[in-house]
Amino acid sequence: MTKTLASPQQMNAIDQKVQSVQPKMFKVFMLNDNYTTMEFVIEVLQSVFHKEDAEATSLMLQIHRQGQALCGLYPFEIAETKVAKVHSLARVAGFPLRCILEPN
């Protein structure tokens, strides 16, 4: 039984095809409301979006002052999961905190 190895040109063509298949990315924005505490927003940014203290605080202030902030850029399924996680945590805590998705 003999195995046929791909030529370097064939391998290069395969690599280019694999690299060119990029998932469509979506922006996840967190929206401001008048009820969710700043501390809870920071906790969510740290636990769901894995932000460090300083970045979470900066994003929380941007949300508070500008009405929204970009929390991350993810493939659709991951973005959708993060939005659902934020909504679930907020609902359990009794807050109306919301996130939205936008195509990149």
N, C-alpha and C. Protein backbone atom coordinates (compact mmCIF):
# COMPACT_ATOMS: atom_id res chain seq x y z
N MET A 1 0.85 -1.17 0.00
CA MET A 1 0.00 0.00 0.00
C MET A 1 0.89 1.23 0.00
N THR A 2 0.73 2.09 -1.00
CA THR A 2 1.54 3.29 -1.10
C THR A 2 0.68 4.50 -0.79
N LYS A 3 1.30 5.48 -0.16
CA LYS A 3 0.62 6.73 0.15
C LYS A 3 1.13 7.80 -0.80
N THR A 4 0.23 8.60 -1.32
CA THR A 4 0.62 9.68 -2.20
C THR A 4 0.62 10.97 -1.38
N LEU A 5 1.75 11.63 -1.37
CA LEU A 5 1.86 12.88 -0.65
C LEU A 5 1.53 14.04 -1.57
N ALA A 6 0.93 15.06 -1.02
CA ALA A 6 0.59 16.24 -1.81
C ALA A 6 1.85 17.03 -2.10
N SER A 7 1.89 17.62 -3.28
CA SER A 7 3.03 18.45 -3.66
C SER A 7 2.98 19.75 -2.87
N PRO A 8 4.09 20.48 -2.82
CA PRO A 8 4.08 21.78 -2.12
C PRO A 8 3.05 22.75 -2.70
N GLN A 9 2.85 22.71 -4.02
CA GLN A 9 1.87 23.60 -4.64
C GLN A 9 0.45 23.23 -4.19
N GLN A 10 0.17 21.94 -4.09
CA GLN A 10 -1.15 21.49 -3.63
C GLN A 10 -1.36 21.87 -2.16
N MET A 11 -0.33 21.72 -1.35
CA MET A 11 -0.43 22.08 0.06
C MET A 11 -0.67 23.58 0.21
N ASN A 12 0.00 24.39 -0.59
CA ASN A 12 -0.17 25.83 -0.54
C ASN A 12 -1.60 26.21 -0.92
N ALA A 13 -2.16 25.57 -1.94
CA ALA A 13 -3.54 25.83 -2.35
C ALA A 13 -4.52 25.45 -1.24
N ILE A 14 -4.27 24.33 -0.59
CA ILE A 14 -5.13 23.88 0.52
C ILE A 14 -5.04 24.88 1.67
N ASP A 15 -3.83 25.34 2.01
CA ASP A 15 -3.65 26.31 3.09
C ASP A 15 -4.40 27.60 2.79
N GLN A 16 -4.34 28.07 1.54
CA GLN A 16 -5.03 29.31 1.18
C GLN A 16 -6.53 29.16 1.32
N LYS A 17 -7.08 28.01 0.94
CA LYS A 17 -8.52 27.79 1.08
C LYS A 17 -8.93 27.75 2.55
N VAL A 18 -8.14 27.11 3.38
CA VAL A 18 -8.45 27.02 4.80
C VAL A 18 -8.38 28.40 5.44
N GLN A 19 -7.38 29.17 5.09
CA GLN A 19 -7.20 30.49 5.69
C GLN A 19 -8.27 31.47 5.23
N SER A 20 -8.81 31.31 4.03
CA SER A 20 -9.77 32.27 3.51
C SER A 20 -11.18 32.09 4.08
N VAL A 21 -11.44 31.00 4.77
CA VAL A 21 -12.76 30.77 5.36
C VAL A 21 -12.78 31.37 6.76
N GLN A 22 -13.17 32.63 6.84
CA GLN A 22 -13.25 33.33 8.11
C GLN A 22 -14.72 33.50 8.48
N PRO A 23 -15.09 33.24 9.73
CA PRO A 23 -16.50 33.43 10.10
C PRO A 23 -16.85 34.92 10.11
N LYS A 24 -18.10 35.22 9.82
CA LYS A 24 -18.57 36.59 9.90
C LYS A 24 -18.55 37.02 11.36
N MET A 25 -18.03 38.20 11.62
CA MET A 25 -17.89 38.67 12.99
C MET A 25 -19.02 39.63 13.36
N PHE A 26 -19.36 39.62 14.66
CA PHE A 26 -20.42 40.47 15.17
C PHE A 26 -19.91 41.26 16.38
N LYS A 27 -20.33 42.53 16.44
CA LYS A 27 -20.00 43.39 17.57
C LYS A 27 -21.04 43.18 18.66
N VAL A 28 -20.58 43.10 19.90
CA VAL A 28 -21.49 43.02 21.04
C VAL A 28 -21.39 44.35 21.80
N PHE A 29 -22.51 45.06 21.87
CA PHE A 29 -22.59 46.32 22.59
C PHE A 29 -23.42 46.13 23.85
N MET A 30 -22.98 46.75 24.94
CA MET A 30 -23.77 46.79 26.17
C MET A 30 -24.42 48.16 26.22
N LEU A 31 -25.71 48.18 26.59
CA LEU A 31 -26.50 49.41 26.59
C LEU A 31 -26.71 49.93 28.00
N ASN A 32 -26.82 51.23 28.10
CA ASN A 32 -27.06 51.89 29.39
C ASN A 32 -28.54 51.80 29.77
N ASP A 33 -28.81 51.76 31.04
CA ASP A 33 -30.16 51.91 31.58
C ASP A 33 -30.03 52.67 32.90
N ASN A 34 -31.14 53.08 33.45
CA ASN A 34 -31.10 53.90 34.67
C ASN A 34 -31.22 53.09 35.95
N TYR A 35 -31.14 51.76 35.87
CA TYR A 35 -31.38 50.95 37.05
C TYR A 35 -30.22 50.02 37.42
N THR A 36 -29.51 49.52 36.45
CA THR A 36 -28.42 48.58 36.72
C THR A 36 -27.27 49.33 37.40
N THR A 37 -26.75 48.76 38.47
CA THR A 37 -25.67 49.42 39.20
C THR A 37 -24.36 49.34 38.42
N MET A 38 -23.52 50.32 38.65
CA MET A 38 -22.22 50.35 38.00
C MET A 38 -21.38 49.14 38.41
N GLU A 39 -21.51 48.73 39.65
CA GLU A 39 -20.75 47.59 40.15
C GLU A 39 -21.15 46.30 39.42
N PHE A 40 -22.46 46.15 39.17
CA PHE A 40 -22.93 44.95 38.46
C PHE A 40 -22.43 44.95 37.02
N VAL A 41 -22.44 46.10 36.37
CA VAL A 41 -21.94 46.19 35.00
C VAL A 41 -20.46 45.78 34.95
N ILE A 42 -19.68 46.25 35.90
CA ILE A 42 -18.25 45.88 35.96
C ILE A 42 -18.11 44.37 36.16
N GLU A 43 -18.89 43.80 37.06
CA GLU A 43 -18.83 42.35 37.31
C GLU A 43 -19.14 41.56 36.03
N VAL A 44 -20.15 42.00 35.30
CA VAL A 44 -20.53 41.30 34.07
C VAL A 44 -19.43 41.44 33.01
N LEU A 45 -18.88 42.63 32.88
CA LEU A 45 -17.80 42.82 31.92
C LEU A 45 -16.60 41.93 32.24
N GLN A 46 -16.35 41.74 33.52
CA GLN A 46 -15.22 40.89 33.92
C GLN A 46 -15.54 39.40 33.74
N SER A 47 -16.75 38.99 34.12
CA SER A 47 -17.06 37.56 34.09
C SER A 47 -17.43 37.05 32.69
N VAL A 48 -18.16 37.83 31.93
CA VAL A 48 -18.62 37.37 30.61
C VAL A 48 -17.62 37.72 29.51
N PHE A 49 -17.06 38.93 29.58
CA PHE A 49 -16.18 39.40 28.51
C PHE A 49 -14.70 39.36 28.89
N HIS A 50 -14.40 38.87 30.08
CA HIS A 50 -13.02 38.67 30.56
C HIS A 50 -12.17 39.95 30.49
N LYS A 51 -12.76 41.05 30.95
CA LYS A 51 -12.06 42.33 30.98
C LYS A 51 -11.35 42.49 32.33
N GLU A 52 -10.19 43.12 32.29
CA GLU A 52 -9.46 43.44 33.52
C GLU A 52 -10.17 44.59 34.24
N ASP A 53 -9.83 44.83 35.50
CA ASP A 53 -10.49 45.86 36.30
C ASP A 53 -10.53 47.23 35.62
N ALA A 54 -9.38 47.69 35.16
CA ALA A 54 -9.29 49.03 34.58
C ALA A 54 -10.12 49.14 33.30
N GLU A 55 -10.05 48.13 32.44
CA GLU A 55 -10.81 48.17 31.20
C GLU A 55 -12.31 48.06 31.47
N ALA A 56 -12.70 47.22 32.43
CA ALA A 56 -14.11 47.08 32.78
C ALA A 56 -14.65 48.40 33.32
N THR A 57 -13.88 49.07 34.14
CA THR A 57 -14.31 50.36 34.69
C THR A 57 -14.43 51.40 33.59
N SER A 58 -13.47 51.43 32.69
CA SER A 58 -13.50 52.37 31.56
C SER A 58 -14.72 52.12 30.67
N LEU A 59 -15.00 50.86 30.37
CA LEU A 59 -16.17 50.53 29.55
C LEU A 59 -17.47 50.89 30.27
N MET A 60 -17.54 50.62 31.57
CA MET A 60 -18.73 50.96 32.35
C MET A 60 -18.99 52.47 32.28
N LEU A 61 -17.95 53.26 32.40
CA LEU A 61 -18.11 54.72 32.32
C LEU A 61 -18.55 55.15 30.93
N GLN A 62 -18.02 54.51 29.91
CA GLN A 62 -18.43 54.82 28.54
C GLN A 62 -19.91 54.48 28.34
N ILE A 63 -20.33 53.33 28.85
CA ILE A 63 -21.74 52.94 28.78
C ILE A 63 -22.60 53.97 29.49
N HIS A 64 -22.18 54.38 30.67
CA HIS A 64 -22.93 55.34 31.48
C HIS A 64 -23.02 56.70 30.80
N ARG A 65 -21.93 57.17 30.22
CA ARG A 65 -21.88 58.52 29.65
C ARG A 65 -22.39 58.58 28.20
N GLN A 66 -22.10 57.55 27.41
CA GLN A 66 -22.41 57.60 25.98
C GLN A 66 -23.61 56.73 25.59
N GLY A 67 -24.10 55.93 26.52
CA GLY A 67 -25.27 55.12 26.25
C GLY A 67 -24.98 53.70 25.81
N GLN A 68 -23.75 53.44 25.38
CA GLN A 68 -23.37 52.08 24.99
C GLN A 68 -21.86 52.00 24.84
N ALA A 69 -21.36 50.76 24.82
CA ALA A 69 -19.94 50.54 24.59
C ALA A 69 -19.75 49.18 23.93
N LEU A 70 -18.73 49.10 23.09
CA LEU A 70 -18.38 47.86 22.42
C LEU A 70 -17.65 46.96 23.42
N CYS A 71 -18.22 45.78 23.65
CA CYS A 71 -17.62 44.83 24.60
C CYS A 71 -16.71 43.82 23.92
N GLY A 72 -16.93 43.58 22.64
CA GLY A 72 -16.09 42.63 21.93
C GLY A 72 -16.60 42.34 20.54
N LEU A 73 -15.76 41.64 19.78
CA LEU A 73 -16.05 41.24 18.41
C LEU A 73 -15.88 39.73 18.34
N TYR A 74 -16.96 39.02 17.97
CA TYR A 74 -16.97 37.56 18.04
C TYR A 74 -17.71 36.96 16.85
N PRO A 75 -17.43 35.68 16.54
CA PRO A 75 -18.28 34.97 15.58
C PRO A 75 -19.71 34.92 16.14
N PHE A 76 -20.70 34.76 15.25
CA PHE A 76 -22.10 34.88 15.64
C PHE A 76 -22.48 34.03 16.85
N GLU A 77 -22.12 32.75 16.84
CA GLU A 77 -22.55 31.85 17.91
C GLU A 77 -21.99 32.28 19.26
N ILE A 78 -20.74 32.72 19.28
CA ILE A 78 -20.13 33.17 20.54
C ILE A 78 -20.77 34.47 20.99
N ALA A 79 -20.98 35.40 20.06
CA ALA A 79 -21.61 36.68 20.40
C ALA A 79 -23.01 36.46 20.95
N GLU A 80 -23.76 35.58 20.30
CA GLU A 80 -25.12 35.28 20.75
C GLU A 80 -25.12 34.68 22.15
N THR A 81 -24.16 33.81 22.43
CA THR A 81 -24.05 33.19 23.75
C THR A 81 -23.71 34.22 24.81
N LYS A 82 -22.81 35.14 24.50
CA LYS A 82 -22.43 36.18 25.47
C LYS A 82 -23.62 37.09 25.77
N VAL A 83 -24.37 37.47 24.75
CA VAL A 83 -25.56 38.30 24.97
C VAL A 83 -26.56 37.57 25.86
N ALA A 84 -26.80 36.30 25.57
CA ALA A 84 -27.73 35.51 26.38
C ALA A 84 -27.25 35.40 27.82
N LYS A 85 -25.96 35.23 28.03
CA LYS A 85 -25.38 35.13 29.38
C LYS A 85 -25.59 36.44 30.15
N VAL A 86 -25.34 37.58 29.48
CA VAL A 86 -25.55 38.88 30.13
C VAL A 86 -27.01 39.03 30.53
N HIS A 87 -27.92 38.72 29.62
CA HIS A 87 -29.35 38.86 29.92
C HIS A 87 -29.78 37.94 31.06
N SER A 88 -29.23 36.74 31.08
CA SER A 88 -29.55 35.79 32.15
C SER A 88 -29.05 36.28 33.50
N LEU A 89 -27.79 36.72 33.56
CA LEU A 89 -27.23 37.24 34.82
C LEU A 89 -28.02 38.45 35.30
N ALA A 90 -28.37 39.34 34.38
CA ALA A 90 -29.12 40.55 34.76
C ALA A 90 -30.51 40.19 35.29
N ARG A 91 -31.16 39.25 34.62
CA ARG A 91 -32.51 38.84 35.05
C ARG A 91 -32.47 38.24 36.45
N VAL A 92 -31.48 37.39 36.72
CA VAL A 92 -31.35 36.76 38.05
C VAL A 92 -31.09 37.82 39.12
N ALA A 93 -30.30 38.85 38.76
CA ALA A 93 -29.96 39.90 39.72
C ALA A 93 -31.05 40.97 39.81
N GLY A 94 -32.05 40.89 38.94
CA GLY A 94 -33.14 41.86 38.98
C GLY A 94 -32.85 43.16 38.27
N PHE A 95 -31.96 43.14 37.29
CA PHE A 95 -31.61 44.34 36.53
C PHE A 95 -32.06 44.22 35.08
N PRO A 96 -32.35 45.36 34.44
CA PRO A 96 -32.77 45.33 33.03
C PRO A 96 -31.62 45.47 32.03
N LEU A 97 -30.41 45.16 32.43
CA LEU A 97 -29.23 45.32 31.57
C LEU A 97 -29.41 44.56 30.26
N ARG A 98 -29.07 45.21 29.14
CA ARG A 98 -29.24 44.61 27.83
C ARG A 98 -27.96 44.75 27.00
N CYS A 99 -27.79 43.81 26.09
CA CYS A 99 -26.73 43.85 25.09
C CYS A 99 -27.37 43.64 23.73
N ILE A 100 -26.71 44.12 22.69
CA ILE A 100 -27.18 43.93 21.32
C ILE A 100 -26.02 43.45 20.46
N LEU A 101 -26.37 42.82 19.33
CA LEU A 101 -25.41 42.37 18.33
C LEU A 101 -25.55 43.24 17.09
N GLU A 102 -24.42 43.50 16.44
CA GLU A 102 -24.42 44.17 15.15
C GLU A 102 -23.39 43.49 14.27
N PRO A 103 -23.69 43.27 13.00
CA PRO A 103 -22.66 42.72 12.11
C PRO A 103 -21.49 43.68 12.02
N ASN A 104 -20.31 43.12 11.88
CA ASN A 104 -19.12 43.96 11.77
C ASN A 104 -19.03 44.57 10.40
